[in-house]
Amino acid sequence: MYFIKDEFDFGPGLDAAAGSSVGAGPMARRENQDNFLLIDATGQAACLVGQTPWRGQVAGWPAGHVRLAVLDGMGGHGHGREAAEATVQGLLAMPACSDTTTLAQQMDQLHARLQAAFDTGPEARSRPPGTTLTLLEIAPQQAPLLYHVGDSRLYEVADGAVTALTIDHVPATVYAMQGVISERQWRSQVYGEHQPQISQAFILGNVMVNPHRLATGLYALDERNLPPFLASMGDRRALRLRRDALYLLASDGFWSCLDPASVLARWPALCAGRTAAQASEALFTDFLSHPPAGLHSDNLTLVALRIKP
């Protein structure tokens, strides 16, 4: 297990921390295919390289700008760890962005470059790699920007409740977009159970439009293609964060069990009154010491963000 705690400077208004673990479960994973990225307000950065903690300085990083991300490599498609790590390296080299249009353009270009780099032979084409990516881009004095692909999530923990701020790119979401299932059915399938299928991933591409054909590009979800009950939760948008809330970017290892809601219900009490670093450690300690029933072995990665008063 590895934690980034208090060594970084996220500026006068932000408190952030990260943790990553190979995880728990009946059959422990042989490698950690998750990754994360922290770039603080001074350009100090941290991530995993070869499953080993790495720290460095980003040259020319604008003062006060912060970048946070969680990634979950798709092990079932092969080279999941490498896909997540390559994406992190691309994010380290990507210039800071201050609006959603520029951020989306930069991310789509990175996706295309990495997709071409991994397209190196028959095996890669038959089992193309991919990774989830949930990213926050925070410029000084501006609303944080979200960029999201896959089924890792951004959660808000406030008022004793846990609220998802991202949409899982999974078959149930495709069915909801097509009007095949209702809001109640979508919530039951996405939040009430754990399904390993994914309909879109960074580097991989998407089957959001045509479930029978993998398209190379990424398909942005927004009010133009989402059902009304999801229309406000687009993948590429500015966020309004509460100063009394804790925000968690997390990989799905935390809720890959028979009753995901029971795990999330523990989070408000575990996070209450704690700093980002304290909350991160509390969540990992609780999960690993009390693995939920029917846990599917998976990696665990978390980035916690609190807005200081």
Protein backbone atom coordinates (compact mmCIF):
# COMPACT_ATOMS: atom_id res chain seq x y z
CA MET A 1 0.00 0.00 0.00
CA TYR A 2 1.23 3.50 -0.80
CA PHE A 3 0.03 6.92 0.39
CA ILE A 4 0.77 10.50 -0.63
CA LYS A 5 -0.01 12.56 2.45
CA ASP A 6 1.13 15.99 3.57
CA GLU A 7 4.31 16.51 1.59
CA PHE A 8 2.64 18.36 -1.26
CA ASP A 9 1.41 21.94 -1.54
CA PHE A 10 -2.01 22.27 -3.17
CA GLY A 11 -2.32 25.97 -2.40
CA PRO A 12 -4.23 27.86 0.28
CA GLY A 13 -7.66 26.51 -0.69
CA LEU A 14 -7.11 22.80 -1.35
CA ASP A 15 -6.18 19.71 0.65
CA ALA A 16 -5.49 16.52 -1.33
CA ALA A 17 -4.02 13.07 -0.79
CA ALA A 18 -3.82 9.73 -2.62
CA GLY A 19 -3.49 6.06 -1.86
CA SER A 20 -3.14 2.87 -3.91
CA SER A 21 -3.06 -0.82 -3.04
CA VAL A 22 -3.00 -4.14 -4.86
CA GLY A 23 -6.27 -4.68 -2.98
CA ALA A 24 -8.00 -7.51 -1.20
CA GLY A 25 -10.18 -10.48 -2.02
CA PRO A 26 -10.13 -14.28 -2.18
CA MET A 27 -7.49 -14.30 -4.92
CA ALA A 28 -5.13 -11.36 -4.53
CA ARG A 29 -4.07 -9.64 -7.73
CA ARG A 30 -0.51 -10.24 -8.84
CA GLU A 31 0.00 -6.63 -9.84
CA ASN A 32 -1.51 -3.23 -9.27
CA GLN A 33 -2.97 -2.14 -12.60
CA ASP A 34 -4.39 1.06 -11.11
CA ASN A 35 -2.55 4.35 -11.10
CA PHE A 36 -3.03 7.93 -9.96
CA LEU A 37 -1.59 11.35 -10.61
CA LEU A 38 -1.13 14.32 -8.33
CA ILE A 39 0.37 17.57 -9.58
CA ASP A 40 0.33 20.21 -6.88
CA ALA A 41 0.29 24.00 -7.02
CA THR A 42 4.08 24.15 -7.34
CA GLY A 43 4.40 21.49 -10.07
CA GLN A 44 5.45 18.67 -7.74
CA ALA A 45 4.04 15.40 -9.09
CA ALA A 46 3.48 11.87 -7.85
CA CYS A 47 2.29 8.67 -9.54
CA LEU A 48 3.21 5.00 -9.90
CA VAL A 49 5.88 3.83 -12.35
CA GLY A 50 6.25 0.07 -12.60
CA GLN A 51 4.01 -0.16 -9.49
CA THR A 52 6.64 1.86 -7.60
CA PRO A 53 6.02 5.36 -6.22
CA TRP A 54 7.57 8.13 -8.29
CA ARG A 55 7.92 11.80 -7.54
CA GLY A 56 9.23 14.60 -9.70
CA GLN A 57 8.87 18.20 -10.80
CA VAL A 58 6.85 19.23 -13.86
CA ALA A 59 8.82 21.85 -15.78
CA GLY A 60 6.99 25.08 -16.52
CA TRP A 61 3.91 24.19 -14.50
CA PRO A 62 1.83 27.33 -13.81
CA ALA A 63 1.74 28.39 -10.17
CA GLY A 64 -1.45 27.46 -8.35
CA HIS A 65 -2.68 24.97 -10.96
CA VAL A 66 -3.59 21.46 -9.73
CA ARG A 67 -4.23 18.19 -11.60
CA LEU A 68 -5.66 15.05 -9.95
CA ALA A 69 -6.50 11.73 -11.60
CA VAL A 70 -7.35 8.09 -10.89
CA LEU A 71 -6.92 5.34 -13.49
CA ASP A 72 -7.85 1.65 -13.56
CA GLY A 73 -6.12 -0.37 -16.27
CA MET A 74 -8.22 -3.02 -18.01
CA GLY A 75 -6.46 -6.23 -17.05
CA GLY A 76 -8.90 -8.39 -18.98
CA HIS A 77 -7.73 -6.81 -22.23
CA GLY A 78 -4.03 -7.21 -21.51
CA HIS A 79 -1.40 -4.61 -20.61
CA GLY A 80 -3.80 -2.80 -18.29
CA ARG A 81 -1.04 -1.56 -16.03
CA GLU A 82 0.98 -0.32 -18.98
CA ALA A 83 -2.04 1.49 -20.43
CA ALA A 84 -2.72 3.31 -17.17
CA GLU A 85 0.94 4.17 -16.71
CA ALA A 86 1.32 5.46 -20.27
CA THR A 87 -1.73 7.67 -19.77
CA VAL A 88 -0.25 9.10 -16.58
CA GLN A 89 3.00 9.86 -18.40
CA GLY A 90 0.99 11.61 -21.09
CA LEU A 91 -0.81 13.66 -18.44
CA LEU A 92 2.53 14.68 -16.94
CA ALA A 93 3.55 16.09 -20.32
CA MET A 94 0.18 17.69 -21.16
CA PRO A 95 0.00 21.46 -20.62
CA ALA A 96 -2.30 22.87 -17.95
CA CYS A 97 -5.83 23.59 -19.20
CA SER A 98 -8.25 26.24 -17.97
CA ASP A 99 -11.43 25.50 -19.96
CA THR A 100 -13.38 22.37 -20.87
CA THR A 101 -12.91 22.76 -24.62
CA THR A 102 -9.11 22.88 -24.39
CA LEU A 103 -9.04 20.04 -21.86
CA ALA A 104 -11.21 17.83 -24.08
CA GLN A 105 -9.06 18.58 -27.13
CA GLN A 106 -5.83 17.77 -25.28
CA MET A 107 -7.26 14.56 -23.86
CA ASP A 108 -8.65 13.38 -27.19
CA GLN A 109 -5.26 14.00 -28.80
CA LEU A 110 -3.52 12.02 -26.05
CA HIS A 111 -6.02 9.19 -26.50
CA ALA A 112 -5.30 9.02 -30.24
CA ARG A 113 -1.51 9.10 -29.75
CA LEU A 114 -1.54 6.33 -27.16
CA GLN A 115 -3.94 4.23 -29.19
CA ALA A 116 -1.56 4.38 -32.14
CA ALA A 117 1.41 3.59 -29.89
CA PHE A 118 -0.24 0.45 -28.50
CA ASP A 119 -1.41 -0.77 -31.92
CA THR A 120 1.73 -2.84 -32.48
CA GLY A 121 0.59 -6.26 -33.64
CA PRO A 122 -2.15 -8.90 -33.89
CA GLU A 123 -2.32 -9.52 -30.11
CA ALA A 124 -2.75 -5.83 -29.32
CA ARG A 125 -5.44 -5.55 -31.98
CA SER A 126 -7.35 -8.61 -30.76
CA ARG A 127 -7.19 -7.57 -27.09
CA PRO A 128 -6.62 -3.80 -27.22
CA PRO A 129 -5.57 -2.23 -23.93
CA GLY A 130 -7.45 0.50 -22.14
CA THR A 131 -7.86 2.31 -18.85
CA THR A 132 -10.50 4.24 -17.03
CA LEU A 133 -9.68 7.87 -16.32
CA THR A 134 -11.33 10.28 -13.91
CA LEU A 135 -9.52 13.61 -13.86
CA LEU A 136 -9.92 16.98 -12.16
CA GLU A 137 -8.18 20.05 -13.59
CA ILE A 138 -8.17 22.98 -11.16
CA ALA A 139 -6.93 26.37 -12.29
CA PRO A 140 -6.54 29.17 -9.72
CA GLN A 141 -9.78 31.01 -8.96
CA GLN A 142 -11.75 28.87 -11.42
CA ALA A 143 -14.26 26.05 -11.10
CA PRO A 144 -12.65 22.59 -11.29
CA LEU A 145 -12.97 20.85 -14.65
CA LEU A 146 -13.95 17.19 -14.95
CA TYR A 147 -12.84 14.78 -17.67
CA HIS A 148 -14.19 11.25 -17.29
CA VAL A 149 -13.94 7.98 -19.25
CA GLY A 150 -14.90 4.53 -17.95
CA ASP A 151 -16.30 3.34 -14.63
CA SER A 152 -14.04 4.82 -12.00
CA ARG A 153 -16.02 7.49 -10.17
CA LEU A 154 -15.98 10.91 -8.58
CA TYR A 155 -17.96 10.99 -5.33
CA GLU A 156 -19.10 13.83 -3.11
CA VAL A 157 -19.31 12.99 0.60
CA ALA A 158 -21.45 15.52 2.49
CA ASP A 159 -24.37 15.71 4.90
CA GLY A 160 -23.97 12.05 5.83
CA ALA A 161 -24.48 10.92 2.23
CA VAL A 162 -22.36 9.79 -0.72
CA THR A 163 -23.32 11.11 -4.17
CA ALA A 164 -21.82 10.04 -7.50
CA LEU A 165 -20.88 12.95 -9.78
CA THR A 166 -19.89 10.81 -12.77
CA ILE A 167 -21.70 8.31 -14.99
CA ASP A 168 -20.34 4.80 -15.43
CA HIS A 169 -19.66 3.98 -19.09
CA VAL A 170 -21.26 0.55 -18.91
CA PRO A 171 -23.95 -1.36 -20.83
CA ALA A 172 -26.69 -0.13 -18.48
CA THR A 173 -25.89 3.46 -19.44
CA VAL A 174 -26.10 2.58 -23.12
CA TYR A 175 -29.51 0.98 -22.51
CA ALA A 176 -30.68 4.09 -20.63
CA MET A 177 -29.55 6.31 -23.50
CA GLN A 178 -31.56 4.12 -25.88
CA GLY A 179 -34.63 4.31 -23.64
CA VAL A 180 -34.57 0.55 -23.04
CA ILE A 181 -34.38 0.78 -19.23
CA SER A 182 -35.81 3.25 -16.71
CA GLU A 183 -34.01 5.40 -14.17
CA ARG A 184 -34.90 2.90 -11.42
CA GLN A 185 -33.49 0.02 -13.45
CA TRP A 186 -30.35 1.98 -14.31
CA ARG A 187 -29.67 2.86 -10.68
CA SER A 188 -30.28 -0.73 -9.62
CA GLN A 189 -27.85 -2.11 -12.21
CA VAL A 190 -25.14 0.53 -11.74
CA TYR A 191 -25.23 1.13 -7.99
CA GLY A 192 -26.98 -1.96 -6.66
CA GLU A 193 -24.62 -4.55 -8.12
CA HIS A 194 -21.16 -4.82 -9.62
CA GLN A 195 -20.81 -5.64 -13.31
CA PRO A 196 -17.31 -6.02 -14.82
CA GLN A 197 -18.33 -4.97 -18.34
CA ILE A 198 -17.29 -1.57 -19.65
CA SER A 199 -18.48 0.26 -22.76
CA GLN A 200 -15.75 2.88 -23.10
CA ALA A 201 -12.17 3.29 -21.95
CA PHE A 202 -9.26 5.60 -22.60
CA ILE A 203 -6.95 4.21 -25.35
CA LEU A 204 -9.44 1.38 -26.03
CA GLY A 205 -12.26 3.36 -27.67
CA ASN A 206 -16.01 2.86 -27.28
CA VAL A 207 -19.06 0.73 -28.06
CA MET A 208 -21.45 3.41 -26.80
CA VAL A 209 -22.91 4.13 -30.24
CA ASN A 210 -22.74 0.65 -31.75
CA PRO A 211 -22.46 -2.18 -29.17
CA HIS A 212 -21.35 -4.54 -31.94
CA ARG A 213 -18.37 -2.52 -33.17
CA LEU A 214 -15.47 -0.97 -31.28
CA ALA A 215 -15.03 2.62 -32.44
CA THR A 216 -11.58 4.12 -32.04
CA GLY A 217 -12.69 7.51 -30.72
CA LEU A 218 -14.17 8.52 -27.39
CA TYR A 219 -17.87 9.34 -27.10
CA ALA A 220 -18.60 12.27 -24.80
CA LEU A 221 -21.80 11.97 -22.77
CA ASP A 222 -23.75 15.19 -22.20
CA GLU A 223 -27.26 16.63 -22.25
CA ARG A 224 -27.53 16.00 -26.01
CA ASN A 225 -27.40 12.22 -25.72
CA LEU A 226 -28.19 11.40 -22.08
CA PRO A 227 -31.66 10.68 -20.65
CA PRO A 228 -33.10 13.52 -18.53
CA PHE A 229 -32.19 11.93 -15.19
CA LEU A 230 -28.50 11.88 -16.18
CA ALA A 231 -28.34 15.02 -18.34
CA SER A 232 -26.61 17.17 -15.70
CA MET A 233 -23.74 14.68 -15.23
CA GLY A 234 -21.82 15.07 -18.47
CA ASP A 235 -18.28 13.72 -18.76
CA ARG A 236 -16.59 17.00 -19.62
CA ARG A 237 -17.91 19.82 -17.48
CA ALA A 238 -17.11 22.44 -14.86
CA LEU A 239 -17.99 21.48 -11.29
CA ARG A 240 -19.32 23.44 -8.36
CA LEU A 241 -17.65 22.00 -5.27
CA ARG A 242 -18.89 22.53 -1.72
CA ARG A 243 -16.52 23.74 0.98
CA ASP A 244 -18.04 21.40 3.55
CA ALA A 245 -17.66 18.27 1.38
CA LEU A 246 -14.97 15.70 0.70
CA TYR A 247 -14.46 14.57 -2.89
CA LEU A 248 -13.16 11.11 -3.75
CA LEU A 249 -11.84 9.93 -7.11
CA ALA A 250 -11.87 6.14 -6.79
CA SER A 251 -11.36 2.96 -8.80
CA ASP A 252 -14.12 0.36 -8.74
CA GLY A 253 -12.27 -2.06 -6.48
CA PHE A 254 -13.97 -0.30 -3.58
CA TRP A 255 -17.46 -1.39 -4.66
CA SER A 256 -16.80 -4.65 -6.56
CA CYS A 257 -18.84 -6.78 -4.18
CA LEU A 258 -22.34 -8.18 -3.65
CA ASP A 259 -23.69 -5.08 -1.89
CA PRO A 260 -21.83 -1.94 -3.05
CA ALA A 261 -24.23 0.38 -1.22
CA SER A 262 -23.22 -1.07 2.14
CA VAL A 263 -19.58 -0.14 1.50
CA LEU A 264 -20.36 3.43 0.44
CA ALA A 265 -22.69 3.88 3.42
CA ARG A 266 -19.65 3.63 5.71
CA TRP A 267 -17.78 6.46 4.02
CA PRO A 268 -19.44 9.54 5.61
CA ALA A 269 -18.61 8.42 9.16
CA LEU A 270 -15.09 7.41 8.17
CA CYS A 271 -14.43 10.77 6.49
CA ALA A 272 -16.17 13.12 8.94
CA GLY A 273 -13.87 15.74 10.42
CA ARG A 274 -10.77 14.32 8.74
CA THR A 275 -8.25 15.84 6.40
CA ALA A 276 -7.85 14.40 2.91
CA ALA A 277 -4.91 12.27 4.05
CA GLN A 278 -6.69 11.06 7.19
CA ALA A 279 -9.83 10.19 5.23
CA SER A 280 -7.83 8.27 2.62
CA GLU A 281 -6.10 6.17 5.26
CA ALA A 282 -9.36 5.55 7.11
CA LEU A 283 -11.10 4.31 3.96
CA PHE A 284 -8.26 1.94 3.04
CA THR A 285 -7.86 0.64 6.59
CA ASP A 286 -11.59 0.00 6.95
CA PHE A 287 -11.88 -1.75 3.59
CA LEU A 288 -8.82 -3.94 3.93
CA SER A 289 -9.55 -4.90 7.53
CA HIS A 290 -13.24 -5.61 6.84
CA PRO A 291 -13.51 -6.84 3.22
CA PRO A 292 -17.17 -6.80 2.14
CA ALA A 293 -19.09 -10.00 1.44
CA GLY A 294 -18.68 -11.43 -2.03
CA LEU A 295 -15.70 -9.21 -2.77
CA HIS A 296 -14.27 -9.51 -6.28
CA SER A 297 -10.49 -9.24 -6.01
CA ASP A 298 -9.37 -5.94 -7.49
CA ASN A 299 -6.92 -3.10 -7.03
CA LEU A 300 -7.82 -0.07 -4.93
CA THR A 301 -6.88 3.53 -5.72
CA LEU A 302 -8.22 6.73 -4.24
CA VAL A 303 -7.56 10.45 -4.50
CA ALA A 304 -9.21 12.57 -1.82
CA LEU A 305 -9.84 16.32 -2.17
CA ARG A 306 -11.18 18.70 0.42
CA ILE A 307 -11.85 22.40 -0.13
CA LYS A 308 -10.39 24.28 2.82
CA PRO A 309 -12.60 26.85 4.62
